[in-house]
Protein backbone atom coordinates (compact mmCIF):
# COMPACT_ATOMS: atom_id res chain seq x y z
CA MET A 1 -6.53 24.21 33.02
CA LYS A 2 -5.10 26.67 30.55
CA LYS A 3 -4.95 25.37 27.02
CA THR A 4 -1.32 26.45 26.75
CA LEU A 5 -0.46 23.66 29.19
CA TYR A 6 -1.38 21.18 26.47
CA LEU A 7 1.75 22.25 24.61
CA ILE A 8 4.18 21.23 27.34
CA PRO A 9 4.27 17.45 26.56
CA PHE A 10 4.42 18.25 22.83
CA ILE A 11 7.48 20.47 23.32
CA ALA A 12 9.10 17.93 25.65
CA VAL A 13 8.70 15.21 23.04
CA MET A 14 10.33 17.35 20.33
CA LEU A 15 13.33 18.08 22.58
CA LEU A 16 13.99 14.35 22.85
CA VAL A 17 14.35 13.78 19.10
CA TRP A 18 17.75 13.26 17.50
CA HIS A 19 19.15 11.81 14.28
CA PRO A 20 17.83 8.50 12.89
CA SER A 21 19.79 5.31 12.36
CA LYS A 22 19.05 1.76 11.33
CA VAL A 23 17.41 -0.43 13.96
CA LYS A 24 15.96 -3.90 14.23
CA ALA A 25 12.36 -4.67 13.31
CA GLN A 26 9.71 -4.39 16.03
CA GLY A 27 8.92 -7.60 17.94
CA SER A 28 10.62 -10.66 19.33
CA GLY A 29 14.06 -11.82 18.29
CA ILE A 30 12.79 -15.42 17.95
CA TYR A 31 9.38 -14.66 16.44
CA GLY A 32 10.60 -13.99 12.89
CA SER A 33 7.77 -13.67 10.36
CA GLY A 34 5.34 -15.53 12.63
CA LEU A 35 2.83 -18.08 11.40
CA LYS A 36 3.29 -17.48 7.68
CA VAL A 37 2.66 -19.94 4.88
CA ASN A 38 4.38 -19.10 1.60
CA LEU A 39 2.48 -20.00 -1.55
CA ASP A 40 5.51 -19.71 -3.85
CA THR A 41 9.29 -19.83 -3.58
CA THR A 42 9.69 -16.05 -3.58
CA GLY A 43 7.52 -15.39 -0.52
CA THR A 44 5.47 -12.75 -2.34
CA LYS A 45 2.42 -15.03 -2.32
CA TYR A 46 1.50 -16.02 1.21
CA VAL A 47 -1.06 -16.38 3.99
CA ARG A 48 -0.33 -15.11 7.51
CA LEU A 49 -2.25 -15.90 10.71
CA ILE A 50 -2.10 -14.16 14.10
CA PHE A 51 -3.79 -15.36 17.32
CA TRP A 52 -3.95 -13.62 20.71
CA ASN A 53 -5.51 -13.77 24.17
CA GLN A 54 -5.64 -11.05 26.84
CA PHE A 55 -6.92 -11.94 30.34
CA TRP A 56 -7.62 -9.41 33.08
CA THR A 57 -7.62 -10.07 36.82
CA ARG A 58 -9.00 -7.02 38.63
CA TYR A 59 -9.72 -5.33 41.90
CA VAL A 60 -12.19 -2.43 41.50
CA ASN A 61 -13.08 0.21 44.07
CA ASN A 62 -16.60 0.77 42.82
CA ASN A 63 -18.61 3.94 42.31
CA PRO A 64 -21.24 4.73 44.99
CA ASN A 65 -24.42 2.62 44.92
CA THR A 66 -22.85 -0.16 42.86
CA VAL A 67 -24.86 -3.35 42.37
CA VAL A 68 -23.13 -6.57 41.19
CA ASN A 69 -25.06 -9.80 40.74
CA GLY A 70 -27.98 -8.32 42.67
CA GLU A 71 -25.89 -7.27 45.68
CA SER A 72 -24.64 -3.86 46.77
CA VAL A 73 -20.83 -3.95 46.85
CA ALA A 74 -18.23 -1.29 47.57
CA ASP A 75 -15.36 -3.31 46.07
CA SER A 76 -15.16 -6.24 43.69
CA TRP A 77 -12.71 -8.82 42.35
CA ASP A 78 -13.07 -10.64 39.06
CA ILE A 79 -11.23 -12.23 36.14
CA GLY A 80 -12.30 -11.95 32.52
CA LEU A 81 -11.34 -12.25 28.90
CA ARG A 82 -10.58 -8.80 27.50
CA ARG A 83 -9.85 -10.08 23.98
CA SER A 84 -9.52 -13.41 22.18
CA ARG A 85 -9.03 -13.03 18.46
CA MET A 86 -7.69 -14.40 15.19
CA LEU A 87 -6.48 -12.33 12.25
CA ALA A 88 -5.62 -13.58 8.76
CA TYR A 89 -4.46 -11.83 5.63
CA ALA A 90 -3.14 -13.02 2.30
CA GLN A 91 -1.56 -11.81 -0.90
CA ILE A 92 -1.54 -13.77 -4.12
CA SER A 93 0.13 -10.75 -5.72
CA PRO A 94 1.62 -7.50 -4.36
CA ARG A 95 -1.35 -5.84 -6.08
CA PHE A 96 -4.06 -7.56 -4.01
CA LEU A 97 -4.70 -8.02 -0.27
CA ILE A 98 -7.52 -9.76 1.58
CA MET A 99 -7.99 -9.26 5.33
CA PHE A 100 -10.15 -11.15 7.82
CA HIS A 101 -10.25 -10.61 11.60
CA LEU A 102 -12.69 -12.11 14.09
CA GLY A 103 -12.96 -12.79 17.79
CA ILE A 104 -14.66 -11.92 21.07
CA ASN A 105 -14.23 -9.14 23.64
CA ASN A 106 -15.14 -8.37 27.24
CA GLN A 107 -16.40 -11.70 28.57
CA THR A 108 -16.79 -11.78 32.36
CA PHE A 109 -18.50 -14.14 34.80
CA ILE A 110 -21.67 -12.08 34.50
CA ASN A 111 -21.78 -10.37 31.10
CA GLY A 112 -20.46 -10.43 27.55
CA GLY A 113 -22.18 -13.72 26.73
CA ASP A 114 -24.53 -14.66 23.91
CA ALA A 115 -27.20 -12.04 23.28
CA GLY A 116 -29.91 -14.70 23.42
CA SER A 117 -28.88 -16.14 26.78
CA ASN A 118 -31.12 -15.79 29.79
CA GLY A 119 -29.45 -13.40 32.20
CA ASN A 120 -31.39 -14.88 35.13
CA ALA A 121 -30.55 -18.48 34.28
CA PHE A 122 -27.86 -20.75 35.66
CA GLY A 123 -26.18 -23.52 33.72
CA GLY A 124 -25.69 -23.67 29.96
CA ASN A 125 -27.54 -20.46 29.13
CA GLY A 126 -26.40 -18.35 32.05
CA ALA A 127 -25.26 -14.75 31.86
CA GLY A 128 -21.77 -14.23 30.47
CA LYS A 129 -21.59 -17.64 28.74
CA LYS A 130 -21.02 -18.51 25.08
CA PRO A 131 -20.10 -15.08 23.73
CA GLN A 132 -20.76 -14.32 20.09
CA LEU A 133 -17.78 -14.76 17.77
CA PHE A 134 -18.04 -11.85 15.31
CA VAL A 135 -16.15 -10.24 12.45
CA HIS A 136 -13.99 -7.26 13.34
CA ASP A 137 -12.41 -6.62 9.93
CA ALA A 138 -13.16 -7.89 6.43
CA TRP A 139 -11.80 -5.98 3.48
CA THR A 140 -10.19 -6.28 0.08
CA GLU A 141 -7.47 -3.92 -1.16
CA TYR A 142 -6.00 -3.08 -4.55
CA ALA A 143 -2.65 -1.39 -5.20
CA ILE A 144 -3.25 1.30 -7.83
CA VAL A 145 0.27 2.70 -7.45
CA GLN A 146 2.48 0.55 -5.22
CA LYS A 147 2.91 2.13 -1.76
CA LYS A 148 1.57 5.51 -2.97
CA LEU A 149 -2.11 4.70 -3.58
CA HIS A 150 -4.06 1.69 -2.36
CA ILE A 151 -7.86 1.49 -2.52
CA GLY A 152 -9.90 -0.83 -0.32
CA THR A 153 -13.52 -1.66 0.45
CA GLY A 154 -15.23 -3.49 3.29
CA LEU A 155 -15.64 -3.43 7.06
CA HIS A 156 -12.39 -1.66 7.85
CA TYR A 157 -10.22 -0.03 10.52
CA TRP A 158 -8.61 2.79 8.49
CA ASN A 159 -10.04 5.37 10.89
CA GLY A 160 -9.65 9.11 11.10
CA ILE A 161 -9.08 11.43 14.08
CA SER A 162 -5.83 10.18 15.66
CA ARG A 163 -3.12 7.55 15.75
CA MET A 164 -4.88 5.78 18.60
CA SER A 165 -8.15 5.65 16.65
CA SER A 166 -6.45 2.89 14.63
CA ALA A 167 -4.44 1.50 17.56
CA SER A 168 -3.21 -2.08 17.50
CA THR A 169 -4.44 -4.06 20.49
CA LEU A 170 -1.26 -6.19 20.41
CA ASN A 171 1.30 -3.61 21.50
CA PHE A 172 -0.19 -0.93 23.76
CA LEU A 173 2.19 0.97 26.02
CA THR A 174 -0.39 1.13 28.81
CA ILE A 175 -2.63 -1.83 29.54
CA ASP A 176 -5.26 -0.69 27.06
CA ALA A 177 -6.62 2.23 25.09
CA PRO A 178 -8.42 5.04 26.96
CA ILE A 179 -11.58 4.32 24.86
CA PHE A 180 -12.28 7.94 23.92
CA ASN A 181 -9.86 7.33 21.04
CA TRP A 182 -12.77 5.26 19.61
CA PRO A 183 -15.56 7.82 20.13
CA LEU A 184 -18.24 5.82 18.27
CA ILE A 185 -17.46 2.47 19.85
CA GLU A 186 -20.39 0.08 19.49
CA LEU A 187 -22.85 2.82 18.46
CA SER A 188 -22.53 3.77 14.79
CA ASP A 189 -19.60 1.39 14.33
CA GLN A 190 -18.95 -2.32 14.92
CA PHE A 191 -16.20 -2.36 17.51
CA ALA A 192 -14.47 0.67 15.93
CA ARG A 193 -15.16 -0.43 12.34
CA GLN A 194 -17.56 0.82 9.68
CA PHE A 195 -18.40 -0.25 6.13
CA GLY A 196 -16.71 1.98 3.61
CA ILE A 197 -14.21 2.74 0.90
CA TYR A 198 -10.74 3.88 1.88
CA ALA A 199 -7.55 5.12 0.25
CA LYS A 200 -4.10 5.07 1.83
CA GLY A 201 -0.48 5.45 0.92
CA ASP A 202 2.96 6.94 1.51
CA LEU A 203 4.24 10.00 -0.34
CA GLY A 204 7.81 10.26 0.87
CA ARG A 205 7.58 10.94 4.60
CA PHE A 206 3.92 11.88 4.38
CA ASN A 207 1.43 9.12 5.13
CA TYR A 208 -2.32 9.43 4.57
CA GLN A 209 -5.50 7.42 5.06
CA VAL A 210 -8.95 8.71 4.09
CA ALA A 211 -12.33 7.00 3.96
CA MET A 212 -15.99 7.42 3.09
CA ASN A 213 -18.09 5.19 5.35
CA LYS A 214 -21.73 4.24 5.80
CA PRO A 215 -22.36 4.16 9.57
CA PHE A 216 -24.51 1.52 11.19
CA SER A 217 -28.12 2.52 11.73
CA ALA A 218 -29.36 4.21 14.91
CA PRO A 219 -32.90 4.43 16.36
CA ASN A 220 -35.39 7.16 15.53
CA PRO A 221 -34.37 10.21 17.62
CA ILE A 222 -37.86 10.81 19.03
CA SER A 223 -38.00 7.28 20.44
CA VAL A 224 -34.48 7.57 21.85
CA LEU A 225 -35.12 10.90 23.54
CA ASN A 226 -38.34 9.55 25.04
CA GLY A 227 -36.53 6.53 26.44
CA ALA A 228 -34.17 6.10 29.36
CA ASN A 229 -31.87 8.85 28.10
CA ALA A 230 -34.57 11.50 28.54
CA ALA A 231 -34.13 11.50 32.31
CA SER A 232 -30.67 13.03 31.98
CA ALA A 233 -31.85 15.98 29.91
CA PRO A 234 -31.49 19.39 31.62
CA ALA A 235 -35.03 20.72 32.07
CA GLY A 236 -36.19 17.93 29.79
CA LEU A 237 -34.49 19.40 26.72
CA ASN A 238 -31.29 19.59 24.69
CA VAL A 239 -29.50 16.30 25.13
CA ALA A 240 -27.98 15.06 21.89
CA ARG A 241 -28.18 11.34 21.18
CA ASP A 242 -27.26 9.17 18.21
CA ALA A 243 -30.05 9.38 15.66
CA ALA A 244 -31.26 7.56 12.57
CA ASN A 245 -29.94 9.18 9.38
CA ASN A 246 -28.82 8.33 5.86
CA SER A 247 -25.61 10.38 5.89
CA TRP A 248 -22.16 9.12 4.99
CA VAL A 249 -19.04 9.75 7.07
CA SER A 250 -15.88 11.42 5.84
CA SER A 251 -12.73 10.63 7.83
CA GLY A 252 -8.98 10.89 7.52
CA TYR A 253 -5.68 10.82 9.35
CA PHE A 254 -2.39 12.29 8.09
CA THR A 255 1.13 11.79 9.43
CA LEU A 256 4.54 13.37 8.92
CA GLN A 257 7.32 10.90 9.78
CA PHE A 258 10.67 12.44 10.71
CA LEU A 259 12.76 9.41 11.71
CA ASP A 260 12.23 5.75 10.76
CA LYS A 261 9.21 5.20 8.57
CA GLU A 262 6.47 2.99 9.97
CA SER A 263 4.74 0.31 7.97
CA SER A 264 1.40 1.35 6.45
CA PHE A 265 0.66 -2.14 5.15
CA LEU A 266 -2.07 -2.58 7.79
CA PRO A 267 -3.88 0.15 9.79
CA PHE A 268 -2.88 -1.09 13.26
CA ARG A 269 -0.69 1.58 14.87
CA VAL A 270 2.03 0.44 17.27
CA GLY A 271 1.88 1.68 20.86
CA THR A 272 5.52 0.98 21.74
CA TYR A 273 8.33 -0.64 19.74
CA VAL A 274 10.19 -1.79 22.91
CA GLY A 275 13.54 -0.35 21.85
CA THR A 276 13.57 -1.66 18.27
CA LYS A 277 12.68 1.40 16.19
CA LYS A 278 13.27 5.17 16.08
CA VAL A 279 10.03 7.00 15.34
CA PHE A 280 8.91 10.60 15.63
CA ASN A 281 5.58 11.49 13.99
CA ILE A 282 3.18 14.42 13.98
CA GLY A 283 -0.40 13.57 13.01
CA ALA A 284 -3.82 15.13 12.59
CA GLY A 285 -7.20 13.75 11.65
CA TYR A 286 -10.96 14.20 11.48
CA HIS A 287 -14.31 12.40 11.44
CA ILE A 288 -17.32 14.29 10.04
CA HIS A 289 -20.85 12.85 10.05
CA PRO A 290 -23.73 15.17 9.04
CA ASN A 291 -27.02 14.89 10.97
CA ALA A 292 -25.50 12.25 13.23
CA THR A 293 -27.26 13.16 16.47
CA ALA A 294 -30.42 14.91 17.63
CA SER A 295 -31.70 16.77 20.68
CA THR A 296 -35.15 17.78 21.83
CA THR A 297 -36.44 21.27 21.10
CA ALA A 298 -39.94 20.76 22.51
CA ARG A 299 -41.83 18.46 24.91
CA ASP A 300 -45.51 18.22 25.76
CA VAL A 301 -47.02 18.48 29.25
CA ASN A 302 -46.19 14.83 29.89
CA GLY A 303 -42.51 15.40 29.11
CA THR A 304 -42.68 13.55 25.79
CA ALA A 305 -40.35 14.89 23.08
CA THR A 306 -42.37 16.28 20.18
CA ALA A 307 -39.65 17.96 18.11
CA VAL A 308 -35.91 17.51 17.64
CA GLN A 309 -32.97 19.39 16.23
CA ARG A 310 -30.31 17.59 14.19
CA HIS A 311 -26.60 18.03 14.91
CA ASN A 312 -23.53 17.35 12.81
CA MET A 313 -20.76 15.27 14.35
CA ASN A 314 -17.39 17.01 13.97
CA LEU A 315 -14.48 15.22 15.64
CA PHE A 316 -10.86 16.36 15.34
CA GLY A 317 -7.51 15.30 16.77
CA ILE A 318 -3.85 16.30 16.66
CA ASP A 319 -1.06 14.19 18.13
CA LEU A 320 2.65 13.46 18.53
CA PHE A 321 4.36 10.09 18.86
CA LEU A 322 7.96 9.39 19.85
CA ASP A 323 9.65 6.02 20.28
CA HIS A 324 13.43 6.14 20.58
CA PRO A 325 16.09 3.69 21.82
CA PHE A 326 19.31 4.93 23.41
CA GLY A 327 22.12 3.73 25.65
CA GLY A 328 23.94 1.48 23.19
CA ASP A 329 24.14 -2.14 24.37
CA LYS A 330 21.84 -1.36 27.30
CA ASN A 331 19.08 -0.81 24.70
CA MET A 332 17.00 1.57 26.83
CA ALA A 333 14.14 3.41 25.16
CA ILE A 334 11.61 6.15 25.73
CA THR A 335 8.08 6.06 24.36
CA ALA A 336 5.83 9.12 24.50
CA TYR A 337 2.46 9.99 22.98
CA SER A 338 0.23 13.05 23.35
CA VAL A 339 -3.11 13.82 21.71
CA LEU A 340 -5.61 16.66 21.88
CA TYR A 341 -9.21 15.88 20.86
CA ASN A 342 -11.91 18.41 20.08
CA TYR A 343 -15.25 16.59 19.91
CA ASP A 344 -18.61 18.06 18.88
CA PHE A 345 -21.46 15.54 18.92
CA GLY A 346 -24.18 18.13 19.54
CA THR A 347 -25.64 19.80 22.62
CA ASN A 348 -24.65 18.20 25.95
CA TYR A 349 -23.76 14.85 24.39
CA LEU A 350 -22.20 12.63 27.06
CA ARG A 351 -21.51 8.93 27.29
CA ASN A 352 -20.40 6.91 30.32
CA VAL A 353 -18.21 3.86 29.74
CA GLY A 354 -16.83 1.21 32.08
CA ILE A 355 -14.48 -1.31 30.49
CA MET A 356 -15.68 -4.84 31.29
CA ASN A 357 -18.04 -3.35 33.86
CA ILE A 358 -19.55 -6.19 35.91
CA ALA A 359 -22.04 -3.91 37.70
CA SER A 360 -25.67 -3.41 36.71
CA ALA A 361 -25.39 0.03 38.34
CA GLY A 362 -22.23 1.97 39.16
CA GLY A 363 -19.13 -0.17 38.95
CA ASN A 364 -16.18 1.41 37.14
CA ALA A 365 -18.19 3.57 34.72
CA GLN A 366 -17.10 7.15 34.15
CA PRO A 367 -17.86 10.04 31.73
CA THR A 368 -15.68 9.02 28.82
CA ILE A 369 -16.93 10.47 25.52
CA GLY A 370 -18.78 13.71 24.88
CA THR A 371 -18.94 17.16 23.36
CA GLY A 372 -15.89 18.99 24.64
CA THR A 373 -12.11 18.70 24.88
CA ILE A 374 -9.91 15.77 25.88
CA PHE A 375 -6.15 15.88 26.39
CA TYR A 376 -4.29 12.61 26.86
CA THR A 377 -0.59 11.91 27.26
CA GLN A 378 1.40 8.79 28.11
CA ALA A 379 5.08 7.97 28.51
CA GLY A 380 7.10 4.85 29.18
CA PHE A 381 10.74 4.04 29.87
CA LEU A 382 12.34 0.73 28.88
CA LEU A 383 14.88 -0.13 31.57
CA PRO A 384 18.37 -1.37 30.65
CA LYS A 385 18.54 -4.75 28.95
CA ASN A 386 19.94 -6.75 31.86
CA THR A 387 17.93 -5.15 34.67
CA LEU A 388 16.04 -8.43 35.26
CA GLY A 389 18.67 -10.73 33.81
CA LYS A 390 17.12 -13.30 31.49
CA VAL A 391 13.60 -12.88 32.87
CA GLY A 392 12.61 -10.18 30.40
CA ARG A 393 12.40 -6.41 29.85
CA LEU A 394 10.74 -4.08 32.34
CA GLN A 395 8.94 -0.97 31.07
CA PRO A 396 7.33 1.37 33.63
CA PHE A 397 4.76 3.82 32.25
CA ALA A 398 2.30 6.51 33.26
CA ALA A 399 -0.60 8.34 31.59
CA TYR A 400 -2.60 11.48 32.30
CA THR A 401 -6.05 12.51 31.03
CA TYR A 402 -7.85 15.84 31.21
CA LYS A 403 -11.53 15.95 30.15
CA ASP A 404 -13.71 19.02 29.86
CA PHE A 405 -17.25 18.09 28.73
CA GLU A 406 -20.03 20.56 27.98
CA ALA A 407 -22.62 18.46 29.82
CA LEU A 408 -20.71 18.49 33.12
CA GLN A 409 -20.23 21.35 35.55
CA GLU A 410 -16.63 20.45 36.35
CA SER A 411 -13.68 19.20 34.33
CA SER A 412 -11.64 16.21 35.52
CA SER A 413 -8.06 14.96 35.68
CA GLN A 414 -7.03 11.35 36.12
CA PHE A 415 -3.98 9.13 35.81
CA ASP A 416 -2.78 5.59 35.13
CA ILE A 417 0.49 4.10 36.32
CA GLY A 418 1.98 0.67 35.81
CA ALA A 419 4.64 -1.47 34.17
CA ASN A 420 5.01 -4.02 31.38
CA LEU A 421 7.11 -7.13 31.85
CA HIS A 422 8.06 -8.16 28.31
CA LEU A 423 8.97 -11.84 28.59
CA GLU A 424 9.35 -12.08 24.79
CA GLY A 425 8.59 -8.62 23.44
CA HIS A 426 4.85 -8.06 23.09
CA HIS A 427 4.37 -11.73 22.23
CA SER A 428 4.53 -12.78 25.86
CA LYS A 429 3.77 -9.92 28.22
CA VAL A 430 2.48 -9.33 31.76
CA THR A 431 1.16 -5.87 32.69
CA LEU A 432 0.14 -4.43 36.05
CA GLN A 433 -1.68 -1.09 36.09
CA TYR A 434 -3.49 1.13 38.57
CA SER A 435 -6.12 3.42 37.01
CA GLN A 436 -7.79 6.33 38.77
CA ARG A 437 -11.09 7.78 37.52
CA PRO A 438 -13.38 10.69 38.46
CA VAL A 439 -16.72 10.05 40.18
CA TYR A 440 -19.56 12.46 39.41
CA GLY A 441 -22.86 13.15 41.11
CA ALA A 442 -26.22 13.67 39.44
CA ASP A 443 -25.62 17.44 39.39
CA GLY A 444 -22.70 17.12 36.97
CA ARG A 445 -20.14 17.95 39.63
CA LEU A 446 -17.52 15.73 41.21
CA ASN A 447 -19.06 13.73 44.03
CA PRO A 448 -18.15 15.62 47.24
CA ASP A 449 -18.05 12.40 49.27
CA LYS A 450 -16.02 10.44 46.74
CA LYS A 451 -14.40 12.49 43.99
CA SER A 452 -12.38 9.60 42.56
CA ALA A 453 -12.00 5.84 42.64
CA GLY A 454 -9.57 3.36 41.18
CA GLU A 455 -8.82 -0.18 40.07
CA PHE A 456 -5.86 -2.53 39.81
CA ILE A 457 -5.60 -4.67 36.67
CA LEU A 458 -3.20 -7.55 36.03
CA GLN A 459 -3.11 -8.56 32.37
CA THR A 460 -1.53 -11.70 30.96
CA MET A 461 -1.11 -11.69 27.20
CA LEU A 462 0.21 -14.02 24.52
CA TYR A 463 0.15 -13.71 20.75
CA PHE A 464 1.80 -15.54 17.90
């Protein structure tokens, strides 16, 4: 695919922009300020709580040679808990903020349970049971100059690279994130978070967030490259993997806002405002981690790695976001987002990911993150207000992904298509989506017998 084609969705988005006007706040008309407890009569001192659950019911057309629960299966059905979380934040003064966010993710009937459970057991300690409740975010923030400069420290989500790298999980346009927007997920981060110091603020229509982070530790590169990953190395050499190091990360994301200004109070970026806000933003970001990965430069006669080369991690993104209502009382809206990632993790770095994959081999895994280029675009259309009467708002959507990884012999294209039924904005929502994915063979080319596979997902979601 010619790189000039990446510009087409960007240009299309810009052609859709027109003059701003005042609109309602994002969210439900009956939700108000949510579960908020004021600590004084002015409302400037308060505590706010948010709770949410997301359940997935799925049909998956599995990759070749898939094994689930010890059996070979071509297709599978399951239901699982994608997310169950609680978030709390408080201000005792506009100068200070404390944030706390915990929960669980990805619990199925067969995995996602307590790390100490016996995977072969049945009963109380069976696989998939009693998942670990863990901290997602915990930080403190100080306003140095109100709105213009805030400094925070802790386990935080003020990420670099792109808008979707700090995506809110409460208001996606599609059913979920594409995952490559979190390129370090559960390796050198803790579910897309790292310990660090961040600064953020608004300077007119320019918004910024920058951070210096200490990544979570990785294994010694020699031991990693002599482990299971070594088998995927071309000629036994040159596969980059996450490696132990003492380097800090520098990251940032910068936005120009041309229409309504978005809130920068919290890092969680909205996926769609469901016809309640006019937004057009251009953004760009980075994530730089020196000596982050390593690859083999020599092996002995037994194939054991004896020397490695370090690689810097240089990850960049540029994106556009449009959310615009139109049609007067019909309150229709278009939402569109496009992002181009250029990722360099080191030689032939590649990582397969399958969201809530219930298979011990195969399943819905696909090449997701790696050294190379990723282009992603999504668009949704909010149908007229009374299309379904009083049932809710219907929002069809589609997404397209192009991935070109150094470690693979062929690039891939894939799509997602579905619709949101907003029963009460994002607070009560049902989503149905079909997702197609590429299937590769061991030679790094698309499998000639089965070049693609897909899955249907029905999500039910509530938050308050």
